[in-house]
Amino acid sequence: MSCPICSKPTEGAYKPFCSRRCADVDLQRWLTGRYAIPAEEDESPPDADFSED
């Protein structure tokens, strides 16, 4: 298995990464939203079933 950040062989202590540095790079990418999955906006109008009484 190779490190998903730099493609070097993984180390048992940092698996699936090769080092603490690559693990920290991955964490930083998650925290800054780089790995965010874009959401699709719902084009339909909101439900009109609610009445304001």
PDB file of N, CA and C in Angstrom:
ATOM      1  N   MET A   1       0.853  -1.170   0.000  1.00  0.00           N
ATOM      2  CA  MET A   1       0.000   0.000   0.000  1.00  0.00           C
ATOM      3  C   MET A   1       0.897   1.231   0.000  1.00  0.00           C
ATOM      4  N   SER A   2       0.477   2.247  -0.741  1.00  0.00           N
ATOM      5  CA  SER A   2       1.274   3.466  -0.798  1.00  0.00           C
ATOM      6  C   SER A   2       0.511   4.634  -0.173  1.00  0.00           C
ATOM      7  N   CYS A   3       1.244   5.593   0.269  1.00  0.00           N
ATOM      8  CA  CYS A   3       0.695   6.783   0.915  1.00  0.00           C
ATOM      9  C   CYS A   3      -0.168   7.556  -0.098  1.00  0.00           C
ATOM     10  N   PRO A   4      -1.394   7.940   0.281  1.00  0.00           N
ATOM     11  CA  PRO A   4      -2.251   8.679  -0.647  1.00  0.00           C
ATOM     12  C   PRO A   4      -1.774  10.114  -0.910  1.00  0.00           C
ATOM     13  N   ILE A   5      -0.859  10.620  -0.103  1.00  0.00           N
ATOM     14  CA  ILE A   5      -0.366  11.983  -0.274  1.00  0.00           C
ATOM     15  C   ILE A   5       0.866  12.012  -1.172  1.00  0.00           C
ATOM     16  N   CYS A   6       1.862  11.172  -0.875  1.00  0.00           N
ATOM     17  CA  CYS A   6       3.129  11.241  -1.616  1.00  0.00           C
ATOM     18  C   CYS A   6       3.502   9.954  -2.349  1.00  0.00           C
ATOM     19  N   SER A   7       2.720   8.908  -2.202  1.00  0.00           N
ATOM     20  CA  SER A   7       2.917   7.618  -2.874  1.00  0.00           C
ATOM     21  C   SER A   7       4.107   6.797  -2.383  1.00  0.00           C
ATOM     22  N   LYS A   8       4.710   7.164  -1.255  1.00  0.00           N
ATOM     23  CA  LYS A   8       5.767   6.344  -0.664  1.00  0.00           C
ATOM     24  C   LYS A   8       5.121   5.165   0.061  1.00  0.00           C
ATOM     25  N   PRO A   9       5.889   4.112   0.376  1.00  0.00           N
ATOM     26  CA  PRO A   9       5.334   2.990   1.142  1.00  0.00           C
ATOM     27  C   PRO A   9       4.843   3.453   2.517  1.00  0.00           C
ATOM     28  N   THR A  10       3.774   2.865   3.003  1.00  0.00           N
ATOM     29  CA  THR A  10       3.204   3.278   4.284  1.00  0.00           C
ATOM     30  C   THR A  10       4.012   2.751   5.461  1.00  0.00           C
ATOM     31  N   GLU A  11       3.882   3.428   6.584  1.00  0.00           N
ATOM     32  CA  GLU A  11       4.486   3.017   7.852  1.00  0.00           C
ATOM     33  C   GLU A  11       3.360   2.577   8.772  1.00  0.00           C
ATOM     34  N   GLY A  12       3.599   1.518   9.521  1.00  0.00           N
ATOM     35  CA  GLY A  12       2.584   0.975  10.411  1.00  0.00           C
ATOM     36  C   GLY A  12       2.029   1.985  11.403  1.00  0.00           C
ATOM     37  N   ALA A  13       2.877   2.849  11.937  1.00  0.00           N
ATOM     38  CA  ALA A  13       2.442   3.826  12.945  1.00  0.00           C
ATOM     39  C   ALA A  13       1.552   4.918  12.363  1.00  0.00           C
ATOM     40  N   TYR A  14       1.649   5.153  11.064  1.00  0.00           N
ATOM     41  CA  TYR A  14       0.907   6.250  10.440  1.00  0.00           C
ATOM     42  C   TYR A  14      -0.036   5.763   9.347  1.00  0.00           C
ATOM     43  N   LYS A  15      -0.290   4.491   9.293  1.00  0.00           N
ATOM     44  CA  LYS A  15      -1.088   3.897   8.233  1.00  0.00           C
ATOM     45  C   LYS A  15      -2.414   4.612   8.078  1.00  0.00           C
ATOM     46  N   PRO A  16      -2.848   4.988   6.941  1.00  0.00           N
ATOM     47  CA  PRO A  16      -2.403   4.651   5.592  1.00  0.00           C
ATOM     48  C   PRO A  16      -1.358   5.605   5.035  1.00  0.00           C
ATOM     49  N   PHE A  17      -0.748   6.408   5.883  1.00  0.00           N
ATOM     50  CA  PHE A  17       0.251   7.384   5.436  1.00  0.00           C
ATOM     51  C   PHE A  17       1.659   6.867   5.701  1.00  0.00           C
ATOM     52  N   CYS A  18       2.655   7.571   5.139  1.00  0.00           N
ATOM     53  CA  CYS A  18       4.041   7.146   5.330  1.00  0.00           C
ATOM     54  C   CYS A  18       4.694   7.863   6.509  1.00  0.00           C
ATOM     55  N   SER A  19       4.130   8.995   6.922  1.00  0.00           N
ATOM     56  CA  SER A  19       4.750   9.779   7.988  1.00  0.00           C
ATOM     57  C   SER A  19       3.722  10.676   8.658  1.00  0.00           C
ATOM     58  N   ARG A  20       4.129  11.265   9.746  1.00  0.00           N
ATOM     59  CA  ARG A  20       3.283  12.220  10.464  1.00  0.00           C
ATOM     60  C   ARG A  20       2.988  13.427   9.579  1.00  0.00           C
ATOM     61  N   ARG A  21       3.975  13.835   8.783  1.00  0.00           N
ATOM     62  CA  ARG A  21       3.804  14.973   7.891  1.00  0.00           C
ATOM     63  C   ARG A  21       2.654  14.747   6.914  1.00  0.00           C
ATOM     64  N   CYS A  22       2.622  13.591   6.259  1.00  0.00           N
ATOM     65  CA  CYS A  22       1.555  13.301   5.304  1.00  0.00           C
ATOM     66  C   CYS A  22       0.197  13.181   5.993  1.00  0.00           C
ATOM     67  N   ALA A  23       0.171  12.631   7.196  1.00  0.00           N
ATOM     68  CA  ALA A  23      -1.076  12.570   7.960  1.00  0.00           C
ATOM     69  C   ALA A  23      -1.568  13.975   8.272  1.00  0.00           C
ATOM     70  N   ASP A  24      -0.656  14.873   8.626  1.00  0.00           N
ATOM     71  CA  ASP A  24      -1.033  16.260   8.918  1.00  0.00           C
ATOM     72  C   ASP A  24      -1.483  17.009   7.667  1.00  0.00           C
ATOM     73  N   VAL A  25      -0.856  16.720   6.530  1.00  0.00           N
ATOM     74  CA  VAL A  25      -1.280  17.330   5.265  1.00  0.00           C
ATOM     75  C   VAL A  25      -2.718  16.919   4.958  1.00  0.00           C
ATOM     76  N   ASP A  26      -3.024  15.635   5.146  1.00  0.00           N
ATOM     77  CA  ASP A  26      -4.373  15.137   4.905  1.00  0.00           C
ATOM     78  C   ASP A  26      -5.383  15.790   5.840  1.00  0.00           C
ATOM     79  N   LEU A  27      -5.041  15.904   7.116  1.00  0.00           N
ATOM     80  CA  LEU A  27      -5.924  16.552   8.086  1.00  0.00           C
ATOM     81  C   LEU A  27      -6.177  18.005   7.716  1.00  0.00           C
ATOM     82  N   GLN A  28      -5.143  18.707   7.313  1.00  0.00           N
ATOM     83  CA  GLN A  28      -5.289  20.107   6.913  1.00  0.00           C
ATOM     84  C   GLN A  28      -6.226  20.232   5.714  1.00  0.00           C
ATOM     85  N   ARG A  29      -6.139  19.305   4.779  1.00  0.00           N
ATOM     86  CA  ARG A  29      -7.027  19.329   3.611  1.00  0.00           C
ATOM     87  C   ARG A  29      -8.478  19.127   4.026  1.00  0.00           C
ATOM     88  N   TRP A  30      -8.727  18.249   4.992  1.00  0.00           N
ATOM     89  CA  TRP A  30     -10.092  18.052   5.487  1.00  0.00           C
ATOM     90  C   TRP A  30     -10.590  19.305   6.199  1.00  0.00           C
ATOM     91  N   LEU A  31      -9.746  19.886   7.046  1.00  0.00           N
ATOM     92  CA  LEU A  31     -10.174  21.036   7.844  1.00  0.00           C
ATOM     93  C   LEU A  31     -10.433  22.292   7.015  1.00  0.00           C
ATOM     94  N   THR A  32      -9.735  22.439   5.892  1.00  0.00           N
ATOM     95  CA  THR A  32      -9.936  23.619   5.053  1.00  0.00           C
ATOM     96  C   THR A  32     -11.006  23.410   3.987  1.00  0.00           C
ATOM     97  N   GLY A  33     -11.600  22.217   3.941  1.00  0.00           N
ATOM     98  CA  GLY A  33     -12.677  21.952   3.001  1.00  0.00           C
ATOM     99  C   GLY A  33     -12.233  21.524   1.618  1.00  0.00           C
ATOM    100  N   ARG A  34     -10.981  21.230   1.445  1.00  0.00           N
ATOM    101  CA  ARG A  34     -10.491  20.805   0.131  1.00  0.00           C
ATOM    102  C   ARG A  34     -11.111  19.477  -0.304  1.00  0.00           C
ATOM    103  N   TYR A  35     -11.449  18.624   0.646  1.00  0.00           N
ATOM    104  CA  TYR A  35     -12.060  17.342   0.338  1.00  0.00           C
ATOM    105  C   TYR A  35     -13.589  17.388   0.375  1.00  0.00           C
ATOM    106  N   ALA A  36     -14.155  18.565   0.477  1.00  0.00           N
ATOM    107  CA  ALA A  36     -15.607  18.685   0.577  1.00  0.00           C
ATOM    108  C   ALA A  36     -16.289  18.172  -0.683  1.00  0.00           C
ATOM    109  N   ILE A  37     -17.419  17.536  -0.491  1.00  0.00           N
ATOM    110  CA  ILE A  37     -18.221  17.055  -1.608  1.00  0.00           C
ATOM    111  C   ILE A  37     -19.235  18.147  -1.934  1.00  0.00           C
ATOM    112  N   PRO A  38     -19.229  18.642  -3.171  1.00  0.00           N
ATOM    113  CA  PRO A  38     -20.162  19.710  -3.509  1.00  0.00           C
ATOM    114  C   PRO A  38     -21.609  19.215  -3.448  1.00  0.00           C
ATOM    115  N   ALA A  39     -22.452  20.018  -2.880  1.00  0.00           N
ATOM    116  CA  ALA A  39     -23.873  19.676  -2.770  1.00  0.00           C
ATOM    117  C   ALA A  39     -24.626  20.241  -3.964  1.00  0.00           C
ATOM    118  N   GLU A  40     -25.634  19.517  -4.376  1.00  0.00           N
ATOM    119  CA  GLU A  40     -26.481  20.003  -5.455  1.00  0.00           C
ATOM    120  C   GLU A  40     -27.657  20.747  -4.839  1.00  0.00           C
ATOM    121  N   GLU A  41     -27.901  21.931  -5.328  1.00  0.00           N
ATOM    122  CA  GLU A  41     -29.013  22.721  -4.830  1.00  0.00           C
ATOM    123  C   GLU A  41     -30.320  22.124  -5.331  1.00  0.00           C
ATOM    124  N   ASP A  42     -31.311  22.124  -4.477  1.00  0.00           N
ATOM    125  CA  ASP A  42     -32.628  21.632  -4.832  1.00  0.00           C
ATOM    126  C   ASP A  42     -33.359  22.737  -5.588  1.00  0.00           C
ATOM    127  N   GLU A  43     -33.705  22.459  -6.826  1.00  0.00           N
ATOM    128  CA  GLU A  43     -34.354  23.458  -7.681  1.00  0.00           C
ATOM    129  C   GLU A  43     -35.842  23.619  -7.381  1.00  0.00           C
ATOM    130  N   SER A  44     -36.460  22.660  -6.706  1.00  0.00           N
ATOM    131  CA  SER A  44     -37.900  22.732  -6.453  1.00  0.00           C
ATOM    132  C   SER A  44     -38.209  23.761  -5.369  1.00  0.00           C
ATOM    133  N   PRO A  45     -39.383  24.403  -5.468  1.00  0.00           N
ATOM    134  CA  PRO A  45     -39.760  25.385  -4.445  1.00  0.00           C
ATOM    135  C   PRO A  45     -40.062  24.697  -3.126  1.00  0.00           C
ATOM    136  N   PRO A  46     -39.958  25.431  -2.033  1.00  0.00           N
ATOM    137  CA  PRO A  46     -40.273  24.841  -0.727  1.00  0.00           C
ATOM    138  C   PRO A  46     -41.741  24.412  -0.680  1.00  0.00           C
ATOM    139  N   ASP A  47     -42.018  23.458   0.192  1.00  0.00           N
ATOM    140  CA  ASP A  47     -43.405  22.982   0.333  1.00  0.00           C
ATOM    141  C   ASP A  47     -44.314  24.124   0.745  1.00  0.00           C
ATOM    142  N   ALA A  48     -45.473  24.187   0.101  1.00  0.00           N
ATOM    143  CA  ALA A  48     -46.463  25.222   0.398  1.00  0.00           C
ATOM    144  C   ALA A  48     -47.526  24.687   1.347  1.00  0.00           C
ATOM    145  N   ASP A  49     -47.228  23.574   2.025  1.00  0.00           N
ATOM    146  CA  ASP A  49     -48.193  22.955   2.919  1.00  0.00           C
ATOM    147  C   ASP A  49     -48.294  23.679   4.258  1.00  0.00           C
ATOM    148  N   PHE A  50     -47.392  24.571   4.544  1.00  0.00           N
ATOM    149  CA  PHE A  50     -47.394  25.263   5.817  1.00  0.00           C
ATOM    150  C   PHE A  50     -48.282  26.499   5.718  1.00  0.00           C
ATOM    151  N   SER A  51     -49.156  26.652   6.652  1.00  0.00           N
ATOM    152  CA  SER A  51     -50.002  27.857   6.655  1.00  0.00           C
ATOM    153  C   SER A  51     -49.614  28.723   7.824  1.00  0.00           C
ATOM    154  N   GLU A  52     -49.659  29.992   7.619  1.00  0.00           N
ATOM    155  CA  GLU A  52     -49.307  30.930   8.683  1.00  0.00           C
ATOM    156  C   GLU A  52     -50.579  31.381   9.381  1.00  0.00           C
ATOM    157  N   ASP A  53     -50.886  30.763  10.476  1.00  0.00           N
ATOM    158  CA  ASP A  53     -52.099  31.104  11.263  1.00  0.00           C
ATOM    159  C   ASP A  53     -51.732  31.915  12.462  1.00  0.00           C
TER     160      ASP A  53
END
